[in-house]
């Protein structure tokens, strides 16, 4: 997608502090962390949000969670929260499917 920030990061047009990358996904540090560890896990292919998951593209979600499990284990992170905001009123500010991986502090509930 032409003006999508995360598509530009995935394409290497905008730099990111990468933690993991392969042909399908990218995991990088959030530039405005909300926890001591705050990663973003994105598919390289543009999908707008969780609300845009279809039978044709749903496999990427399972794969992203496999990568999140692998990355957190490699980083020695046992306890973490995974969040995805879907839509502007839910807090989504970049309209490209992404999962926030938050760790390193106590997570309260409800999140707010």
N, C-alpha and C. Protein backbone atom coordinates (compact mmCIF):
# COMPACT_ATOMS: atom_id res chain seq x y z
N UNK A 1 0.86 -1.17 0.00
CA UNK A 1 0.00 0.00 0.00
C UNK A 1 0.90 1.23 0.00
N UNK A 2 0.61 2.16 -0.84
CA UNK A 2 1.49 3.29 -1.14
C UNK A 2 1.89 4.15 0.05
N UNK A 3 0.95 4.57 0.88
CA UNK A 3 1.26 5.48 1.97
C UNK A 3 1.28 4.81 3.35
N UNK A 4 1.38 3.52 3.39
CA UNK A 4 1.35 2.79 4.65
C UNK A 4 2.74 2.79 5.30
N UNK A 5 2.82 3.33 6.51
CA UNK A 5 4.08 3.39 7.24
C UNK A 5 4.71 2.01 7.40
N UNK A 6 3.92 1.01 7.81
CA UNK A 6 4.49 -0.31 8.05
C UNK A 6 4.88 -1.01 6.75
N UNK A 7 4.19 -0.74 5.65
CA UNK A 7 4.61 -1.29 4.36
C UNK A 7 5.97 -0.71 3.98
N UNK A 8 6.17 0.58 4.26
CA UNK A 8 7.46 1.22 3.96
C UNK A 8 8.57 0.67 4.85
N UNK A 9 8.27 0.40 6.11
CA UNK A 9 9.26 -0.21 7.00
C UNK A 9 9.58 -1.62 6.52
N UNK A 10 8.56 -2.40 6.17
CA UNK A 10 8.77 -3.77 5.68
C UNK A 10 9.59 -3.79 4.40
N UNK A 11 9.43 -2.78 3.56
CA UNK A 11 10.17 -2.70 2.30
C UNK A 11 11.58 -2.15 2.48
N UNK A 12 11.91 -1.70 3.69
CA UNK A 12 13.23 -1.15 3.95
C UNK A 12 13.36 0.31 3.57
N UNK A 13 12.26 0.96 3.24
CA UNK A 13 12.29 2.37 2.86
C UNK A 13 12.43 3.28 4.08
N UNK A 14 11.99 2.80 5.23
CA UNK A 14 12.10 3.53 6.49
C UNK A 14 12.84 2.60 7.45
N UNK A 15 13.88 3.10 8.13
CA UNK A 15 14.63 2.23 9.03
C UNK A 15 13.83 1.84 10.28
N UNK A 16 14.16 0.70 10.82
CA UNK A 16 13.56 0.20 12.05
C UNK A 16 14.61 -0.58 12.82
N UNK A 17 14.44 -0.63 14.13
CA UNK A 17 15.33 -1.43 14.98
C UNK A 17 14.78 -2.86 14.98
N UNK A 18 15.23 -3.64 14.02
CA UNK A 18 14.69 -4.98 13.77
C UNK A 18 15.19 -6.00 14.79
N UNK A 19 14.27 -6.88 15.17
CA UNK A 19 14.57 -7.99 16.07
C UNK A 19 14.56 -9.30 15.28
N UNK A 20 13.66 -9.39 14.29
CA UNK A 20 13.51 -10.61 13.49
C UNK A 20 12.94 -10.21 12.14
N UNK A 21 13.40 -10.91 11.10
CA UNK A 21 12.85 -10.68 9.77
C UNK A 21 13.02 -11.93 8.94
N UNK A 22 11.98 -12.25 8.18
CA UNK A 22 12.07 -13.29 7.16
C UNK A 22 11.25 -12.82 5.96
N UNK A 23 10.97 -13.71 5.05
CA UNK A 23 10.26 -13.30 3.83
C UNK A 23 8.80 -12.91 4.08
N UNK A 24 8.22 -13.33 5.22
CA UNK A 24 6.80 -13.09 5.48
C UNK A 24 6.53 -12.01 6.52
N UNK A 25 7.39 -11.89 7.52
CA UNK A 25 7.10 -11.02 8.67
C UNK A 25 8.31 -10.23 9.12
N UNK A 26 8.03 -9.22 9.92
CA UNK A 26 9.07 -8.39 10.52
C UNK A 26 8.67 -8.09 11.95
N UNK A 27 9.64 -8.16 12.86
CA UNK A 27 9.43 -7.78 14.26
C UNK A 27 10.47 -6.71 14.58
N UNK A 28 10.01 -5.60 15.14
CA UNK A 28 10.92 -4.50 15.44
C UNK A 28 10.47 -3.77 16.70
N UNK A 29 11.38 -2.98 17.26
CA UNK A 29 11.09 -2.21 18.47
C UNK A 29 10.18 -1.03 18.13
N UNK A 30 9.16 -0.81 18.96
CA UNK A 30 8.27 0.34 18.81
C UNK A 30 9.06 1.61 19.14
N UNK A 31 8.85 2.68 18.37
CA UNK A 31 9.58 3.93 18.63
C UNK A 31 9.00 4.73 19.79
N UNK A 32 7.81 4.34 20.26
CA UNK A 32 7.18 5.00 21.41
C UNK A 32 6.76 3.91 22.41
N UNK A 33 7.75 3.27 23.05
CA UNK A 33 7.44 2.10 23.88
C UNK A 33 6.54 2.41 25.07
N UNK A 34 5.61 1.49 25.30
CA UNK A 34 4.67 1.58 26.42
C UNK A 34 5.02 0.62 27.54
N UNK A 35 6.14 -0.06 27.39
CA UNK A 35 6.66 -1.00 28.39
C UNK A 35 8.16 -1.10 28.16
N UNK A 36 8.92 -1.61 29.14
CA UNK A 36 10.36 -1.76 28.93
C UNK A 36 10.72 -2.52 27.65
N UNK A 37 9.95 -3.53 27.32
CA UNK A 37 10.07 -4.19 26.02
C UNK A 37 8.76 -3.96 25.29
N UNK A 38 8.83 -3.36 24.11
CA UNK A 38 7.65 -3.11 23.30
C UNK A 38 8.04 -3.35 21.84
N UNK A 39 7.62 -4.51 21.35
CA UNK A 39 7.90 -4.90 19.97
C UNK A 39 6.63 -4.80 19.14
N UNK A 40 6.81 -4.64 17.84
CA UNK A 40 5.71 -4.71 16.88
C UNK A 40 5.99 -5.86 15.94
N UNK A 41 5.01 -6.72 15.74
CA UNK A 41 5.13 -7.85 14.81
C UNK A 41 4.14 -7.62 13.68
N UNK A 42 4.66 -7.55 12.45
CA UNK A 42 3.80 -7.24 11.29
C UNK A 42 4.01 -8.24 10.17
N UNK A 43 2.96 -8.47 9.38
CA UNK A 43 3.16 -9.22 8.14
C UNK A 43 3.74 -8.25 7.11
N UNK A 44 4.54 -8.74 6.20
CA UNK A 44 5.06 -7.88 5.14
C UNK A 44 3.99 -7.54 4.12
N UNK A 45 3.07 -8.46 3.91
CA UNK A 45 1.95 -8.20 3.01
C UNK A 45 0.94 -7.32 3.74
N UNK A 46 0.40 -6.33 3.06
CA UNK A 46 -0.53 -5.41 3.69
C UNK A 46 -1.88 -6.08 3.97
N UNK A 47 -2.26 -6.05 5.23
CA UNK A 47 -3.60 -6.43 5.69
C UNK A 47 -3.98 -5.29 6.63
N UNK A 48 -5.15 -4.71 6.46
CA UNK A 48 -5.49 -3.49 7.18
C UNK A 48 -5.56 -3.66 8.70
N UNK A 49 -6.18 -4.73 9.17
CA UNK A 49 -6.36 -4.92 10.61
C UNK A 49 -6.87 -6.33 10.86
N UNK A 50 -7.11 -6.65 12.12
CA UNK A 50 -7.72 -7.95 12.45
C UNK A 50 -9.08 -8.10 11.79
N UNK A 51 -9.75 -6.98 11.58
CA UNK A 51 -11.07 -7.01 10.93
C UNK A 51 -11.00 -7.34 9.45
N UNK A 52 -9.81 -7.39 8.88
CA UNK A 52 -9.64 -7.70 7.47
C UNK A 52 -9.08 -9.10 7.24
N UNK A 53 -9.07 -9.93 8.29
CA UNK A 53 -8.60 -11.30 8.15
C UNK A 53 -9.65 -12.12 7.40
N UNK A 54 -9.19 -12.86 6.42
CA UNK A 54 -10.07 -13.69 5.59
C UNK A 54 -9.50 -15.11 5.54
N UNK A 55 -10.26 -16.06 5.01
CA UNK A 55 -9.70 -17.40 4.83
C UNK A 55 -8.43 -17.39 3.97
N UNK A 56 -8.33 -16.45 3.05
CA UNK A 56 -7.18 -16.38 2.15
C UNK A 56 -5.91 -15.85 2.83
N UNK A 57 -6.05 -15.01 3.87
CA UNK A 57 -4.86 -14.43 4.48
C UNK A 57 -4.67 -14.79 5.96
N UNK A 58 -5.53 -15.63 6.49
CA UNK A 58 -5.51 -15.91 7.93
C UNK A 58 -4.28 -16.68 8.40
N UNK A 59 -3.62 -17.41 7.54
CA UNK A 59 -2.45 -18.19 7.95
C UNK A 59 -1.34 -17.30 8.49
N UNK A 60 -1.29 -16.06 8.03
CA UNK A 60 -0.23 -15.16 8.49
C UNK A 60 -0.37 -14.85 9.98
N UNK A 61 -1.58 -14.87 10.49
CA UNK A 61 -1.79 -14.59 11.92
C UNK A 61 -1.16 -15.71 12.76
N UNK A 62 -1.42 -16.94 12.40
CA UNK A 62 -0.81 -18.06 13.14
C UNK A 62 0.71 -17.99 13.02
N UNK A 63 1.21 -17.67 11.85
CA UNK A 63 2.65 -17.58 11.65
C UNK A 63 3.25 -16.45 12.50
N UNK A 64 2.57 -15.30 12.56
CA UNK A 64 3.05 -14.20 13.40
C UNK A 64 3.14 -14.65 14.86
N UNK A 65 2.17 -15.39 15.34
CA UNK A 65 2.22 -15.86 16.73
C UNK A 65 3.34 -16.88 16.93
N UNK A 66 3.63 -17.70 15.94
CA UNK A 66 4.78 -18.60 16.03
C UNK A 66 6.07 -17.78 16.16
N UNK A 67 6.19 -16.73 15.37
CA UNK A 67 7.38 -15.88 15.41
C UNK A 67 7.46 -15.15 16.75
N UNK A 68 6.33 -14.65 17.24
CA UNK A 68 6.32 -13.97 18.55
C UNK A 68 6.82 -14.94 19.63
N UNK A 69 6.37 -16.18 19.61
CA UNK A 69 6.82 -17.17 20.60
C UNK A 69 8.32 -17.42 20.47
N UNK A 70 8.81 -17.52 19.26
CA UNK A 70 10.23 -17.75 19.02
C UNK A 70 11.08 -16.57 19.49
N UNK A 71 10.67 -15.36 19.11
CA UNK A 71 11.43 -14.16 19.46
C UNK A 71 11.45 -13.92 20.96
N UNK A 72 10.31 -14.05 21.61
CA UNK A 72 10.28 -13.83 23.06
C UNK A 72 11.13 -14.87 23.78
N UNK A 73 11.09 -16.11 23.33
CA UNK A 73 11.93 -17.15 23.94
C UNK A 73 13.41 -16.82 23.76
N UNK A 74 13.79 -16.40 22.57
CA UNK A 74 15.19 -16.04 22.31
C UNK A 74 15.64 -14.85 23.16
N UNK A 75 14.71 -13.95 23.46
CA UNK A 75 15.03 -12.78 24.27
C UNK A 75 14.93 -13.06 25.76
N UNK A 76 14.52 -14.28 26.12
CA UNK A 76 14.40 -14.65 27.53
C UNK A 76 13.16 -14.07 28.19
N UNK A 77 12.17 -13.73 27.39
CA UNK A 77 10.92 -13.16 27.91
C UNK A 77 9.92 -14.28 28.10
N UNK A 78 9.48 -14.45 29.35
CA UNK A 78 8.50 -15.50 29.66
C UNK A 78 7.09 -14.95 29.75
N UNK A 79 6.96 -13.76 30.32
CA UNK A 79 5.64 -13.16 30.54
C UNK A 79 5.51 -11.94 29.63
N UNK A 80 4.45 -11.93 28.83
CA UNK A 80 4.24 -10.81 27.93
C UNK A 80 2.78 -10.72 27.55
N UNK A 81 2.42 -9.59 27.01
CA UNK A 81 1.06 -9.35 26.52
C UNK A 81 1.14 -9.07 25.03
N UNK A 82 0.19 -9.62 24.28
CA UNK A 82 0.07 -9.35 22.85
C UNK A 82 -1.25 -8.63 22.63
N UNK A 83 -1.18 -7.49 21.94
CA UNK A 83 -2.36 -6.64 21.73
C UNK A 83 -2.44 -6.26 20.26
N UNK A 84 -3.67 -6.23 19.73
CA UNK A 84 -3.90 -5.68 18.41
C UNK A 84 -5.15 -4.81 18.48
N UNK A 85 -4.99 -3.56 18.12
CA UNK A 85 -6.12 -2.64 18.08
C UNK A 85 -6.74 -2.71 16.69
N UNK A 86 -8.05 -2.73 16.62
CA UNK A 86 -8.75 -2.87 15.34
C UNK A 86 -9.70 -1.70 15.17
N UNK A 87 -9.29 -0.71 14.39
CA UNK A 87 -10.10 0.47 14.12
C UNK A 87 -9.66 1.66 14.96
N UNK A 88 -9.97 2.84 14.45
CA UNK A 88 -9.51 4.08 15.07
C UNK A 88 -10.02 4.26 16.50
N UNK A 89 -11.28 3.95 16.76
CA UNK A 89 -11.80 4.15 18.11
C UNK A 89 -11.27 3.12 19.10
N UNK A 90 -10.65 2.05 18.59
CA UNK A 90 -10.01 1.06 19.45
C UNK A 90 -8.53 1.37 19.66
N UNK A 91 -8.06 2.45 19.04
CA UNK A 91 -6.68 2.87 19.23
C UNK A 91 -5.73 2.54 18.09
N UNK A 92 -6.24 1.99 16.99
CA UNK A 92 -5.36 1.69 15.86
C UNK A 92 -4.97 2.99 15.16
N UNK A 93 -3.66 3.24 15.07
CA UNK A 93 -3.20 4.47 14.42
C UNK A 93 -2.47 4.19 13.10
N UNK A 94 -1.98 2.98 12.93
CA UNK A 94 -1.39 2.57 11.65
C UNK A 94 -2.27 1.44 11.12
N UNK A 95 -2.86 1.65 9.96
CA UNK A 95 -3.83 0.71 9.43
C UNK A 95 -3.16 -0.36 8.57
N UNK A 96 -2.34 -1.13 9.28
CA UNK A 96 -1.63 -2.31 8.76
C UNK A 96 -1.63 -3.27 9.95
N UNK A 97 -2.10 -4.48 9.75
CA UNK A 97 -2.17 -5.46 10.83
C UNK A 97 -0.85 -5.50 11.59
N UNK A 98 -0.93 -5.36 12.90
CA UNK A 98 0.26 -5.48 13.73
C UNK A 98 -0.12 -5.91 15.14
N UNK A 99 0.82 -6.57 15.77
CA UNK A 99 0.64 -7.02 17.14
C UNK A 99 1.70 -6.37 18.00
N UNK A 100 1.26 -5.72 19.07
CA UNK A 100 2.16 -5.15 20.06
C UNK A 100 2.54 -6.28 21.02
N UNK A 101 3.82 -6.43 21.29
CA UNK A 101 4.30 -7.40 22.26
C UNK A 101 4.91 -6.59 23.39
N UNK A 102 4.27 -6.62 24.55
CA UNK A 102 4.66 -5.80 25.70
C UNK A 102 5.16 -6.69 26.83
N UNK A 103 6.28 -6.29 27.42
CA UNK A 103 6.85 -7.08 28.52
C UNK A 103 7.74 -6.19 29.37
N UNK A 104 8.11 -6.75 30.54
CA UNK A 104 9.07 -6.07 31.38
C UNK A 104 8.45 -5.25 32.50
N UNK A 105 7.14 -5.31 32.64
CA UNK A 105 6.46 -4.65 33.76
C UNK A 105 5.16 -5.40 34.02
N UNK A 106 4.58 -5.15 35.19
CA UNK A 106 3.28 -5.76 35.50
C UNK A 106 2.24 -5.16 34.57
N UNK A 107 1.39 -6.02 34.05
CA UNK A 107 0.30 -5.60 33.17
C UNK A 107 -0.99 -5.62 33.99
N UNK A 108 -1.66 -4.50 34.06
CA UNK A 108 -2.91 -4.46 34.82
C UNK A 108 -4.08 -4.85 33.92
N UNK A 109 -5.19 -5.16 34.59
CA UNK A 109 -6.42 -5.50 33.84
C UNK A 109 -7.58 -4.88 34.57
N UNK A 110 -8.51 -4.24 33.93
CA UNK A 110 -8.54 -4.06 32.48
C UNK A 110 -7.49 -3.07 32.00
N UNK A 111 -7.09 -3.17 30.73
CA UNK A 111 -6.01 -2.35 30.23
C UNK A 111 -6.35 -0.87 30.09
N UNK A 112 -7.63 -0.51 30.02
CA UNK A 112 -7.99 0.91 29.98
C UNK A 112 -8.58 1.40 28.73
